[in-house]
């Protein structure tokens, strides 16, 4: 028994040593090396559960998630500086891989703790800010919407957090102004999710969808109408939710006017 305990302790110490070496490698790596680390992480860990990720990282997976989140915050805010430089593609590629890597944690079965940890460092606000940055490409925004969907899927309080963070306005504006049908489809799925099982903010979602209708994007209009019908069928069955006021108007190609709810005025007085 004592021999077995010694062997187990030795294995644990070796696993911890490997984790510390990996984290140190990440901390000391430049952009190219970090991209390579992200490639390996995505290839090796896609679809893993929370216990599997913890086993992979010797019960220290949260340490790597924290590093990914911190680098995402720094990278997306300063990526615009690379637009005029030769490494602009590197920044864009890096952001996309960071988002996909974080998605592995947020989508892990039994991994609710990872969602909570990501939210505690301001994950929702980061993802919503990415949606509004013109210098980031639409593929990055699509990945951000997917992560927001994973958060919304975690339950009602997480949907409320997205809405409290001005998420409806950000998503509706992206739906109205985005040129990518794939991104718009992802946004529609998320808005539909926020409009169901979220009674506190149902009216806000409804107003946001109504605000998309005057835009000049036919696909956005179609998706908004589709989601409005879905909310009507699952709600009262006809008309809009009680008390919803007139929607804000989207000037063609100029995005959304401020939402009443997001300007401090209840759209459902």
Protein backbone atom coordinates (compact mmCIF):
# COMPACT_ATOMS: atom_id res chain seq x y z
CA UNK A 1 0.00 0.00 0.00
CA UNK A 2 2.79 2.41 0.89
CA UNK A 3 4.57 1.67 -2.41
CA UNK A 4 1.37 2.37 -4.33
CA UNK A 5 0.89 5.67 -2.48
CA UNK A 6 4.47 6.68 -3.25
CA UNK A 7 3.98 5.86 -6.95
CA UNK A 8 0.71 7.79 -7.05
CA UNK A 9 2.33 10.79 -5.38
CA UNK A 10 5.21 10.66 -7.86
CA UNK A 11 2.79 10.57 -10.79
CA UNK A 12 0.85 13.53 -9.40
CA UNK A 13 4.02 15.52 -8.91
CA UNK A 14 5.14 14.76 -12.45
CA UNK A 15 1.73 15.82 -13.82
CA UNK A 16 1.90 19.09 -11.88
CA UNK A 17 5.43 19.67 -13.15
CA UNK A 18 4.27 19.21 -16.75
CA UNK A 19 1.41 21.65 -16.17
CA UNK A 20 3.76 24.29 -14.78
CA UNK A 21 6.13 23.80 -17.72
CA UNK A 22 3.22 24.21 -20.14
CA UNK A 23 1.95 27.38 -18.45
CA UNK A 24 5.46 28.82 -18.35
CA UNK A 25 5.87 28.05 -22.05
CA UNK A 26 2.65 29.94 -22.74
CA UNK A 27 3.64 32.89 -20.57
CA UNK A 28 7.01 33.25 -22.31
CA UNK A 29 5.80 32.60 -25.87
CA UNK A 30 5.44 35.22 -28.61
CA UNK A 31 2.46 35.40 -30.99
CA UNK A 32 3.66 32.73 -33.43
CA UNK A 33 4.43 30.27 -30.65
CA UNK A 34 1.11 30.95 -28.92
CA UNK A 35 -0.72 30.34 -32.19
CA UNK A 36 1.02 26.98 -32.40
CA UNK A 37 0.00 26.16 -28.82
CA UNK A 38 -3.60 27.08 -29.63
CA UNK A 39 -3.57 24.87 -32.73
CA UNK A 40 -2.41 21.92 -30.66
CA UNK A 41 -4.94 22.64 -27.91
CA UNK A 42 -7.87 22.85 -30.34
CA UNK A 43 -6.82 19.73 -32.20
CA UNK A 44 -6.29 17.68 -29.03
CA UNK A 45 -9.16 18.84 -26.81
CA UNK A 46 -12.16 19.62 -28.99
CA UNK A 47 -15.25 17.93 -27.56
CA UNK A 48 -13.70 16.95 -24.23
CA UNK A 49 -15.71 16.98 -21.02
CA UNK A 50 -14.79 18.87 -17.87
CA UNK A 51 -13.27 15.80 -16.18
CA UNK A 52 -11.23 15.08 -19.31
CA UNK A 53 -9.92 18.64 -19.47
CA UNK A 54 -9.03 18.55 -15.80
CA UNK A 55 -7.19 15.28 -16.34
CA UNK A 56 -5.34 16.80 -19.29
CA UNK A 57 -4.30 19.81 -17.17
CA UNK A 58 -3.70 17.99 -13.87
CA UNK A 59 -6.72 19.69 -12.24
CA UNK A 60 -5.43 23.07 -13.41
CA UNK A 61 -7.47 23.70 -16.56
CA UNK A 62 -8.84 26.91 -15.05
CA UNK A 63 -5.32 28.34 -15.04
CA UNK A 64 -5.12 28.02 -18.81
CA UNK A 65 -8.66 29.36 -19.32
CA UNK A 66 -7.70 32.45 -17.30
CA UNK A 67 -4.66 32.99 -19.52
CA UNK A 68 -6.73 32.60 -22.69
CA UNK A 69 -9.28 35.11 -21.42
CA UNK A 70 -6.62 37.64 -20.42
CA UNK A 71 -4.87 37.44 -23.78
CA UNK A 72 -8.17 37.76 -25.62
CA UNK A 73 -8.88 41.01 -23.77
CA UNK A 74 -5.49 42.45 -24.71
CA UNK A 75 -5.51 41.17 -28.29
CA UNK A 76 -8.93 42.32 -29.50
CA UNK A 77 -8.50 45.80 -28.04
CA UNK A 78 -5.17 46.38 -29.75
CA UNK A 79 -5.66 44.38 -32.95
CA UNK A 80 -6.63 47.57 -34.78
CA UNK A 81 -3.04 48.74 -34.49
CA UNK A 82 -2.01 45.86 -36.70
CA UNK A 83 -4.39 46.83 -39.51
CA UNK A 84 -1.72 48.89 -41.23
CA UNK A 85 1.05 46.42 -40.43
CA UNK A 86 2.10 43.20 -42.07
CA UNK A 87 1.01 41.11 -39.07
CA UNK A 88 -2.68 42.09 -39.19
CA UNK A 89 -3.58 38.61 -40.40
CA UNK A 90 -1.74 37.12 -37.44
CA UNK A 91 -3.84 39.14 -34.99
CA UNK A 92 -7.09 38.14 -36.68
CA UNK A 93 -6.10 34.48 -36.77
CA UNK A 94 -5.04 34.63 -33.14
CA UNK A 95 -8.37 36.09 -31.97
CA UNK A 96 -10.30 33.42 -33.82
CA UNK A 97 -8.22 30.64 -32.27
CA UNK A 98 -8.55 32.19 -28.83
CA UNK A 99 -12.33 32.26 -29.17
CA UNK A 100 -12.42 28.64 -30.35
CA UNK A 101 -10.15 27.58 -27.49
CA UNK A 102 -12.36 29.30 -24.92
CA UNK A 103 -15.32 27.60 -26.60
CA UNK A 104 -13.81 24.20 -25.78
CA UNK A 105 -14.06 25.10 -22.09
CA UNK A 106 -17.52 26.68 -22.26
CA UNK A 107 -18.98 23.76 -24.24
CA UNK A 108 -17.44 21.03 -22.09
CA UNK A 109 -20.02 18.67 -20.61
CA UNK A 110 -20.30 19.19 -16.83
CA UNK A 111 -18.24 22.34 -17.31
CA UNK A 112 -20.54 24.94 -15.77
CA UNK A 113 -17.62 26.06 -13.58
CA UNK A 114 -15.75 27.23 -16.69
CA UNK A 115 -18.68 29.43 -17.71
CA UNK A 116 -18.79 30.96 -14.23
CA UNK A 117 -15.04 31.59 -14.25
CA UNK A 118 -15.26 33.22 -17.69
CA UNK A 119 -18.10 35.46 -16.56
CA UNK A 120 -16.25 36.49 -13.41
CA UNK A 121 -13.50 38.10 -15.49
CA UNK A 122 -16.00 39.98 -17.67
CA UNK A 123 -16.42 37.45 -20.44
CA UNK A 124 -19.86 38.60 -21.57
CA UNK A 125 -18.77 42.23 -21.95
CA UNK A 126 -15.68 41.14 -23.89
CA UNK A 127 -17.73 39.12 -26.34
CA UNK A 128 -20.28 41.91 -26.80
CA UNK A 129 -17.53 44.48 -27.38
CA UNK A 130 -16.05 42.27 -30.08
CA UNK A 131 -19.40 42.41 -31.92
CA UNK A 132 -19.17 46.19 -32.17
CA UNK A 133 -15.55 46.56 -33.29
CA UNK A 134 -15.29 47.39 -36.98
CA UNK A 135 -11.65 46.34 -37.27
CA UNK A 136 -12.45 42.70 -36.42
CA UNK A 137 -13.66 40.38 -39.16
CA UNK A 138 -17.03 38.67 -39.26
CA UNK A 139 -15.59 35.23 -38.54
CA UNK A 140 -14.41 36.55 -35.16
CA UNK A 141 -17.86 37.96 -34.50
CA UNK A 142 -19.48 34.66 -35.42
CA UNK A 143 -17.31 32.85 -32.89
CA UNK A 144 -18.22 35.46 -30.27
CA UNK A 145 -21.92 34.91 -30.91
CA UNK A 146 -21.40 31.16 -30.55
CA UNK A 147 -19.78 31.66 -27.15
CA UNK A 148 -22.66 33.91 -26.07
CA UNK A 149 -25.02 31.13 -27.15
CA UNK A 150 -23.16 28.64 -24.97
CA UNK A 151 -23.55 31.04 -22.05
CA UNK A 152 -27.26 31.56 -22.76
CA UNK A 153 -27.78 27.79 -22.92
CA UNK A 154 -26.58 27.54 -19.31
CA UNK A 155 -29.89 28.89 -18.02
CA UNK A 156 -32.20 31.81 -17.39
CA UNK A 157 -29.87 33.84 -15.16
CA UNK A 158 -27.21 33.72 -17.85
CA UNK A 159 -29.66 34.98 -20.46
CA UNK A 160 -30.54 37.81 -18.10
CA UNK A 161 -26.87 38.69 -17.71
CA UNK A 162 -26.46 39.01 -21.47
CA UNK A 163 -29.51 41.27 -21.68
CA UNK A 164 -28.37 43.35 -18.68
CA UNK A 165 -25.07 43.90 -20.49
CA UNK A 166 -26.81 45.59 -23.46
CA UNK A 167 -26.61 42.36 -25.40
CA UNK A 168 -29.91 42.76 -27.23
CA UNK A 169 -28.87 46.10 -28.71
CA UNK A 170 -25.48 44.75 -29.79
CA UNK A 171 -26.99 41.65 -31.36
CA UNK A 172 -29.81 43.50 -33.12
CA UNK A 173 -27.38 46.01 -34.60
CA UNK A 174 -25.10 43.22 -35.80
CA UNK A 175 -28.07 41.43 -37.35
CA UNK A 176 -29.12 44.59 -39.20
CA UNK A 177 -25.70 45.67 -40.46
CA UNK A 178 -23.72 42.46 -40.96
CA UNK A 179 -23.05 41.35 -44.55
CA UNK A 180 -22.49 37.68 -43.68
CA UNK A 181 -25.56 35.45 -43.77
CA UNK A 182 -23.78 32.91 -41.56
CA UNK A 183 -23.21 35.49 -38.84
CA UNK A 184 -26.79 36.70 -39.12
CA UNK A 185 -28.06 33.13 -38.74
CA UNK A 186 -26.04 32.69 -35.55
CA UNK A 187 -27.34 36.01 -34.20
CA UNK A 188 -30.93 34.98 -34.95
CA UNK A 189 -30.49 31.72 -33.06
CA UNK A 190 -29.18 33.61 -30.03
CA UNK A 191 -31.90 36.27 -30.09
CA UNK A 192 -34.50 33.52 -30.34
CA UNK A 193 -32.93 31.85 -27.30
CA UNK A 194 -32.95 35.14 -25.35
CA UNK A 195 -36.60 35.60 -26.26
CA UNK A 196 -37.64 32.29 -24.69
CA UNK A 197 -37.41 31.26 -21.06
CA UNK A 198 -36.39 34.82 -20.21
CA UNK A 199 -39.57 36.62 -19.12
CA UNK A 200 -37.79 39.54 -17.47
CA UNK A 201 -36.31 40.65 -20.80
CA UNK A 202 -38.76 39.22 -23.32
CA UNK A 203 -40.14 42.65 -24.12
CA UNK A 204 -36.66 44.02 -24.68
CA UNK A 205 -35.85 41.22 -27.14
CA UNK A 206 -39.16 41.81 -28.90
CA UNK A 207 -38.45 45.54 -29.23
CA UNK A 208 -34.98 44.79 -30.55
CA UNK A 209 -36.34 42.52 -33.26
CA UNK A 210 -38.97 45.10 -34.24
CA UNK A 211 -36.18 47.65 -34.56
CA UNK A 212 -34.47 45.50 -37.18
CA UNK A 213 -37.46 45.47 -39.54
CA UNK A 214 -36.91 48.93 -41.16
CA UNK A 215 -33.29 48.10 -42.07
CA UNK A 216 -32.18 47.67 -45.68
CA UNK A 217 -30.98 44.08 -45.26
CA UNK A 218 -33.60 41.60 -46.56
CA UNK A 219 -32.06 38.57 -44.83
CA UNK A 220 -31.98 40.42 -41.52
CA UNK A 221 -35.61 41.39 -41.94
CA UNK A 222 -36.56 37.79 -42.71
CA UNK A 223 -34.74 36.46 -39.65
CA UNK A 224 -36.25 39.13 -37.40
CA UNK A 225 -39.78 38.29 -38.60
CA UNK A 226 -39.12 34.59 -38.14
CA UNK A 227 -38.02 35.12 -34.55
CA UNK A 228 -40.93 37.46 -33.79
CA UNK A 229 -43.37 34.81 -35.00
CA UNK A 230 -41.64 32.21 -32.86
CA UNK A 231 -41.98 34.40 -29.79
CA UNK A 232 -45.64 35.09 -30.54
CA UNK A 233 -46.48 31.42 -30.96
CA UNK A 234 -44.73 30.42 -27.74
CA UNK A 235 -46.15 33.42 -25.86
CA UNK A 236 -49.60 34.85 -26.21
CA UNK A 237 -50.16 33.47 -29.65
CA UNK A 238 -50.92 36.77 -31.30
CA UNK A 239 -49.61 40.29 -31.37
CA UNK A 240 -46.57 41.47 -29.50
CA UNK A 241 -45.95 40.99 -25.78
CA UNK A 242 -48.17 43.22 -23.70
CA UNK A 243 -46.84 46.71 -23.22
CA UNK A 244 -44.19 46.73 -25.93
CA UNK A 245 -43.86 50.23 -27.27
CA UNK A 246 -42.92 51.44 -30.72
CA UNK A 247 -39.54 50.11 -31.85
CA UNK A 248 -36.49 52.16 -32.46
CA UNK A 249 -35.83 52.72 -36.15
CA UNK A 250 -32.75 51.62 -38.05
CA UNK A 251 -31.54 54.10 -40.60
CA UNK A 252 -30.50 52.22 -43.73
CA UNK A 253 -26.94 51.07 -43.28
CA UNK A 254 -26.44 53.04 -40.07
CA UNK A 255 -27.42 50.50 -37.43
CA UNK A 256 -29.82 50.86 -34.55
CA UNK A 257 -31.18 53.90 -32.87
CA UNK A 258 -30.89 53.62 -29.07
CA UNK A 259 -33.31 51.09 -27.57
CA UNK A 260 -35.77 52.63 -25.11
CA UNK A 261 -34.93 49.92 -22.58
CA UNK A 262 -31.23 50.48 -23.01
CA UNK A 263 -31.50 54.22 -22.69
CA UNK A 264 -32.96 53.89 -19.23
CA UNK A 265 -36.63 53.98 -20.25
CA UNK A 266 -38.83 50.91 -19.93
CA UNK A 267 -40.22 50.00 -23.38
CA UNK A 268 -43.21 48.42 -21.68
CA UNK A 269 -44.62 51.12 -19.37
